Amino acid sequence: MQTGVFDRLHQILLAELNAASELDWSRACVDGSHIRARKWGADTAPSPVDRRKAGSKHHLICDGRGTPLKAITTAANVNDVTQTLALVDGIPPTAGRPGRPRRRPARPAR
């Protein structure tokens, strides 16, 4: 059963960091890492980098200072590029400053 405790704690931490101006919304970094799974499960698949053994991937988006904004887990054979929009869209509303809660990093200057 998922109760959302860790998601709520993450939102509170982001709000506290945002209130202290410790989040750098000017840029974001997206990355993924492969992990081996001991058993097959819901978020596992044959790994393309580990001789087709069971594996998963962690996908992460961080602010400009490296603070994790959102993390998701997928099967090992899911391409990183396909998860970028899900990561950006999955950033929780971050309160802590006047105005509407922030949900996205700043857009690059044109």
N, C-alpha and C. Protein backbone atom coordinates (compact mmCIF):
# COMPACT_ATOMS: atom_id res chain seq x y z
N MET A 1 0.84 -1.17 0.00
CA MET A 1 0.00 0.00 0.00
C MET A 1 0.89 1.24 0.00
N GLN A 2 0.64 2.16 -0.90
CA GLN A 2 1.38 3.41 -0.96
C GLN A 2 0.58 4.50 -0.28
N THR A 3 1.20 5.14 0.72
CA THR A 3 0.50 6.19 1.46
C THR A 3 0.96 7.57 1.07
N GLY A 4 2.03 7.68 0.29
CA GLY A 4 2.50 8.97 -0.16
C GLY A 4 3.30 9.74 0.87
N VAL A 5 3.80 9.07 1.90
CA VAL A 5 4.55 9.74 2.96
C VAL A 5 5.82 10.37 2.41
N PHE A 6 6.58 9.64 1.61
CA PHE A 6 7.83 10.18 1.09
C PHE A 6 7.59 11.31 0.10
N ASP A 7 6.54 11.21 -0.70
CA ASP A 7 6.20 12.31 -1.61
C ASP A 7 5.86 13.57 -0.83
N ARG A 8 5.12 13.43 0.25
CA ARG A 8 4.74 14.59 1.07
C ARG A 8 5.97 15.19 1.75
N LEU A 9 6.85 14.34 2.29
CA LEU A 9 8.09 14.83 2.90
C LEU A 9 8.95 15.56 1.88
N HIS A 10 8.99 15.05 0.66
CA HIS A 10 9.76 15.70 -0.39
C HIS A 10 9.18 17.07 -0.70
N GLN A 11 7.86 17.19 -0.77
CA GLN A 11 7.22 18.48 -1.02
C GLN A 11 7.53 19.48 0.10
N ILE A 12 7.50 19.02 1.35
CA ILE A 12 7.80 19.90 2.48
C ILE A 12 9.25 20.37 2.41
N LEU A 13 10.16 19.46 2.12
CA LEU A 13 11.57 19.83 2.00
C LEU A 13 11.80 20.84 0.88
N LEU A 14 11.17 20.62 -0.28
CA LEU A 14 11.31 21.57 -1.38
C LEU A 14 10.74 22.94 -1.01
N ALA A 15 9.62 22.98 -0.28
CA ALA A 15 9.04 24.25 0.14
C ALA A 15 9.98 24.98 1.10
N GLU A 16 10.59 24.25 2.02
CA GLU A 16 11.53 24.87 2.96
C GLU A 16 12.75 25.42 2.23
N LEU A 17 13.28 24.64 1.29
CA LEU A 17 14.43 25.11 0.51
C LEU A 17 14.06 26.30 -0.35
N ASN A 18 12.88 26.29 -0.93
CA ASN A 18 12.43 27.40 -1.77
C ASN A 18 12.24 28.67 -0.93
N ALA A 19 11.70 28.53 0.27
CA ALA A 19 11.51 29.68 1.16
C ALA A 19 12.86 30.29 1.55
N ALA A 20 13.89 29.47 1.66
CA ALA A 20 15.23 29.96 2.03
C ALA A 20 16.04 30.36 0.81
N SER A 21 15.41 30.39 -0.37
CA SER A 21 16.07 30.72 -1.65
C SER A 21 17.26 29.80 -1.95
N GLU A 22 17.10 28.53 -1.61
CA GLU A 22 18.15 27.55 -1.84
C GLU A 22 17.91 26.69 -3.08
N LEU A 23 16.81 26.91 -3.79
CA LEU A 23 16.57 26.20 -5.04
C LEU A 23 16.95 27.10 -6.20
N ASP A 24 17.68 26.56 -7.15
CA ASP A 24 18.09 27.30 -8.33
C ASP A 24 17.18 26.92 -9.49
N TRP A 25 16.13 27.73 -9.71
CA TRP A 25 15.15 27.45 -10.75
C TRP A 25 15.62 27.91 -12.13
N SER A 26 16.83 28.46 -12.23
CA SER A 26 17.29 28.99 -13.51
C SER A 26 17.66 27.88 -14.50
N ARG A 27 17.92 26.69 -14.02
CA ARG A 27 18.27 25.58 -14.90
C ARG A 27 17.90 24.26 -14.24
N ALA A 28 17.87 23.22 -15.03
CA ALA A 28 17.58 21.88 -14.52
C ALA A 28 18.47 20.87 -15.24
N CYS A 29 18.71 19.75 -14.59
CA CYS A 29 19.54 18.69 -15.16
C CYS A 29 18.76 17.38 -15.07
N VAL A 30 18.72 16.64 -16.16
CA VAL A 30 18.02 15.35 -16.21
C VAL A 30 19.05 14.26 -16.45
N ASP A 31 18.96 13.17 -15.69
CA ASP A 31 19.89 12.06 -15.87
C ASP A 31 19.19 10.77 -15.46
N GLY A 32 19.79 9.68 -15.81
CA GLY A 32 19.26 8.37 -15.46
C GLY A 32 20.39 7.43 -15.11
N SER A 33 20.09 6.42 -14.31
CA SER A 33 21.09 5.42 -13.97
C SER A 33 20.47 4.04 -14.00
N HIS A 34 21.24 3.09 -14.40
CA HIS A 34 20.79 1.70 -14.50
C HIS A 34 21.11 0.98 -13.21
N ILE A 35 20.18 0.14 -12.75
CA ILE A 35 20.42 -0.69 -11.58
C ILE A 35 20.00 -2.12 -11.90
N ARG A 36 20.73 -3.07 -11.36
CA ARG A 36 20.39 -4.47 -11.56
C ARG A 36 19.33 -4.88 -10.56
N ALA A 37 18.37 -5.65 -11.00
CA ALA A 37 17.32 -6.16 -10.13
C ALA A 37 17.60 -7.62 -9.83
N ARG A 38 17.47 -8.01 -8.60
CA ARG A 38 17.72 -9.41 -8.24
C ARG A 38 16.60 -10.33 -8.74
N LYS A 39 15.39 -9.82 -8.77
CA LYS A 39 14.25 -10.60 -9.24
C LYS A 39 13.46 -9.77 -10.23
N TRP A 40 12.67 -10.43 -11.03
CA TRP A 40 11.81 -9.73 -11.97
C TRP A 40 10.63 -9.15 -11.21
N GLY A 41 10.26 -7.92 -11.55
CA GLY A 41 9.13 -7.27 -10.89
C GLY A 41 8.43 -6.34 -11.85
N ALA A 42 7.61 -5.46 -11.30
CA ALA A 42 6.79 -4.56 -12.12
C ALA A 42 7.64 -3.60 -12.94
N ASP A 43 8.68 -3.04 -12.36
CA ASP A 43 9.51 -2.05 -13.06
C ASP A 43 10.85 -2.65 -13.50
N THR A 44 10.83 -3.88 -13.99
CA THR A 44 12.05 -4.51 -14.49
C THR A 44 11.84 -4.98 -15.92
N ALA A 45 12.95 -5.12 -16.62
CA ALA A 45 12.94 -5.62 -18.00
C ALA A 45 14.34 -6.11 -18.32
N PRO A 46 14.52 -6.81 -19.43
CA PRO A 46 15.86 -7.20 -19.81
C PRO A 46 16.74 -5.96 -20.02
N SER A 47 17.89 -5.98 -19.39
CA SER A 47 18.77 -4.82 -19.46
C SER A 47 19.58 -4.83 -20.75
N PRO A 48 19.59 -3.73 -21.49
CA PRO A 48 20.39 -3.68 -22.71
C PRO A 48 21.89 -3.53 -22.44
N VAL A 49 22.27 -3.22 -21.20
CA VAL A 49 23.70 -3.03 -20.89
C VAL A 49 24.27 -4.12 -20.00
N ASP A 50 23.45 -5.03 -19.53
CA ASP A 50 23.92 -6.04 -18.57
C ASP A 50 23.53 -7.45 -19.00
N ARG A 51 23.84 -7.79 -20.23
CA ARG A 51 23.60 -9.12 -20.79
C ARG A 51 22.18 -9.63 -20.56
N ARG A 52 21.21 -8.72 -20.76
CA ARG A 52 19.79 -9.04 -20.72
C ARG A 52 19.31 -9.56 -19.36
N LYS A 53 20.05 -9.28 -18.29
CA LYS A 53 19.58 -9.63 -16.94
C LYS A 53 18.54 -8.61 -16.51
N ALA A 54 17.75 -8.96 -15.50
CA ALA A 54 16.70 -8.06 -15.02
C ALA A 54 17.30 -6.76 -14.50
N GLY A 55 16.65 -5.65 -14.84
CA GLY A 55 17.13 -4.36 -14.36
C GLY A 55 16.07 -3.29 -14.42
N SER A 56 16.38 -2.17 -13.80
CA SER A 56 15.51 -0.99 -13.77
C SER A 56 16.35 0.24 -14.02
N LYS A 57 15.68 1.37 -14.22
CA LYS A 57 16.37 2.64 -14.37
C LYS A 57 15.73 3.66 -13.44
N HIS A 58 16.57 4.47 -12.83
CA HIS A 58 16.11 5.63 -12.07
C HIS A 58 16.32 6.84 -12.96
N HIS A 59 15.29 7.63 -13.14
CA HIS A 59 15.37 8.88 -13.91
C HIS A 59 15.16 10.01 -12.91
N LEU A 60 15.97 11.07 -13.02
CA LEU A 60 15.98 12.13 -12.03
C LEU A 60 16.10 13.49 -12.69
N ILE A 61 15.38 14.48 -12.16
CA ILE A 61 15.56 15.86 -12.58
C ILE A 61 15.95 16.65 -11.33
N CYS A 62 17.01 17.44 -11.47
CA CYS A 62 17.53 18.24 -10.36
C CYS A 62 17.54 19.71 -10.73
N ASP A 63 17.53 20.57 -9.72
CA ASP A 63 17.65 22.01 -9.98
C ASP A 63 19.12 22.34 -10.27
N GLY A 64 19.43 23.62 -10.44
CA GLY A 64 20.78 24.04 -10.79
C GLY A 64 21.82 23.74 -9.73
N ARG A 65 21.39 23.48 -8.51
CA ARG A 65 22.32 23.16 -7.41
C ARG A 65 22.39 21.66 -7.12
N GLY A 66 21.64 20.87 -7.86
CA GLY A 66 21.68 19.42 -7.68
C GLY A 66 20.64 18.87 -6.73
N THR A 67 19.68 19.67 -6.32
CA THR A 67 18.61 19.20 -5.44
C THR A 67 17.58 18.43 -6.28
N PRO A 68 17.30 17.18 -5.92
CA PRO A 68 16.32 16.40 -6.70
C PRO A 68 14.93 17.01 -6.63
N LEU A 69 14.33 17.23 -7.79
CA LEU A 69 12.97 17.76 -7.87
C LEU A 69 11.95 16.66 -8.11
N LYS A 70 12.34 15.62 -8.85
CA LYS A 70 11.44 14.50 -9.15
C LYS A 70 12.28 13.30 -9.56
N ALA A 71 11.87 12.13 -9.14
CA ALA A 71 12.54 10.88 -9.55
C ALA A 71 11.46 9.85 -9.90
N ILE A 72 11.72 9.08 -10.94
CA ILE A 72 10.82 8.00 -11.32
C ILE A 72 11.65 6.76 -11.63
N THR A 73 11.03 5.60 -11.54
CA THR A 73 11.68 4.34 -11.85
C THR A 73 10.95 3.69 -13.02
N THR A 74 11.72 3.18 -13.99
CA THR A 74 11.14 2.49 -15.13
C THR A 74 11.90 1.20 -15.36
N ALA A 75 11.44 0.44 -16.32
CA ALA A 75 12.14 -0.77 -16.72
C ALA A 75 13.47 -0.41 -17.37
N ALA A 76 14.42 -1.32 -17.36
CA ALA A 76 15.78 -1.04 -17.83
C ALA A 76 15.86 -0.71 -19.31
N ASN A 77 14.92 -1.19 -20.11
CA ASN A 77 15.01 -0.97 -21.55
C ASN A 77 14.24 0.26 -22.02
N VAL A 78 13.84 1.15 -21.10
CA VAL A 78 13.14 2.39 -21.45
C VAL A 78 14.18 3.47 -21.73
N ASN A 79 14.02 4.15 -22.86
CA ASN A 79 14.98 5.18 -23.25
C ASN A 79 14.83 6.40 -22.35
N ASP A 80 15.96 7.01 -21.97
CA ASP A 80 15.95 8.18 -21.08
C ASP A 80 15.17 9.34 -21.67
N VAL A 81 15.27 9.55 -22.97
CA VAL A 81 14.63 10.69 -23.62
C VAL A 81 13.11 10.63 -23.47
N THR A 82 12.55 9.44 -23.45
CA THR A 82 11.09 9.32 -23.36
C THR A 82 10.56 9.73 -22.00
N GLN A 83 11.41 9.85 -21.00
CA GLN A 83 10.97 10.18 -19.64
C GLN A 83 11.17 11.65 -19.28
N THR A 84 11.77 12.44 -20.16
CA THR A 84 12.09 13.83 -19.84
C THR A 84 10.84 14.65 -19.55
N LEU A 85 9.83 14.57 -20.40
CA LEU A 85 8.60 15.33 -20.16
C LEU A 85 7.87 14.85 -18.92
N ALA A 86 7.91 13.55 -18.66
CA ALA A 86 7.27 13.03 -17.45
C ALA A 86 7.96 13.57 -16.20
N LEU A 87 9.27 13.73 -16.26
CA LEU A 87 10.00 14.30 -15.13
C LEU A 87 9.65 15.77 -14.92
N VAL A 88 9.67 16.54 -16.00
CA VAL A 88 9.35 17.97 -15.89
C VAL A 88 7.91 18.16 -15.43
N ASP A 89 6.99 17.41 -16.00
CA ASP A 89 5.58 17.53 -15.62
C ASP A 89 5.32 16.99 -14.20
N GLY A 90 6.19 16.13 -13.72
CA GLY A 90 6.00 15.52 -12.41
C GLY A 90 6.56 16.31 -11.24
N ILE A 91 7.23 17.44 -11.51
CA ILE A 91 7.75 18.25 -10.41
C ILE A 91 6.57 18.73 -9.58
N PRO A 92 6.58 18.46 -8.26
CA PRO A 92 5.44 18.86 -7.44
C PRO A 92 5.36 20.37 -7.29
N PRO A 93 4.16 20.91 -7.06
CA PRO A 93 4.04 22.35 -6.82
C PRO A 93 4.88 22.72 -5.60
N THR A 94 5.79 23.67 -5.76
CA THR A 94 6.72 24.01 -4.69
C THR A 94 6.38 25.38 -4.13
N ALA A 95 5.82 25.39 -2.94
CA ALA A 95 5.44 26.63 -2.26
C ALA A 95 6.67 27.20 -1.55
N GLY A 96 6.43 28.15 -0.67
CA GLY A 96 7.52 28.70 0.13
C GLY A 96 7.86 30.14 -0.22
N ARG A 97 7.36 30.64 -1.35
CA ARG A 97 7.61 32.02 -1.77
C ARG A 97 6.27 32.64 -2.14
N PRO A 98 6.19 33.97 -2.14
CA PRO A 98 4.92 34.61 -2.52
C PRO A 98 4.51 34.25 -3.95
N GLY A 99 3.22 34.16 -4.18
CA GLY A 99 2.70 33.83 -5.51
C GLY A 99 2.31 32.37 -5.62
N ARG A 100 2.01 31.97 -6.84
CA ARG A 100 1.64 30.57 -7.07
C ARG A 100 2.83 29.66 -6.83
N PRO A 101 2.57 28.42 -6.37
CA PRO A 101 3.67 27.47 -6.20
C PRO A 101 4.37 27.19 -7.53
N ARG A 102 5.67 27.14 -7.51
CA ARG A 102 6.48 26.90 -8.71
C ARG A 102 6.40 25.44 -9.11
N ARG A 103 6.32 25.17 -10.42
CA ARG A 103 6.26 23.79 -10.91
C ARG A 103 7.30 23.46 -11.96
N ARG A 104 7.96 24.47 -12.52
CA ARG A 104 8.92 24.23 -13.60
C ARG A 104 10.13 25.13 -13.45
N PRO A 105 11.28 24.68 -13.96
CA PRO A 105 12.46 25.56 -14.04
C PRO A 105 12.20 26.68 -15.03
N ALA A 106 13.02 27.72 -14.98
CA ALA A 106 12.88 28.87 -15.87
C ALA A 106 13.14 28.45 -17.31
N ARG A 107 12.51 29.15 -18.23
CA ARG A 107 12.76 28.89 -19.65
C ARG A 107 14.06 29.59 -20.04
N PRO A 108 14.81 29.00 -20.95
CA PRO A 108 16.05 29.65 -21.38
C PRO A 108 15.77 30.97 -22.12
N ALA A 109 16.68 31.91 -21.96
CA ALA A 109 16.55 33.19 -22.65
C ALA A 109 16.73 32.99 -24.14
N ARG A 110 15.97 33.73 -24.93
CA ARG A 110 16.06 33.59 -26.38
C ARG A 110 16.67 34.79 -26.98
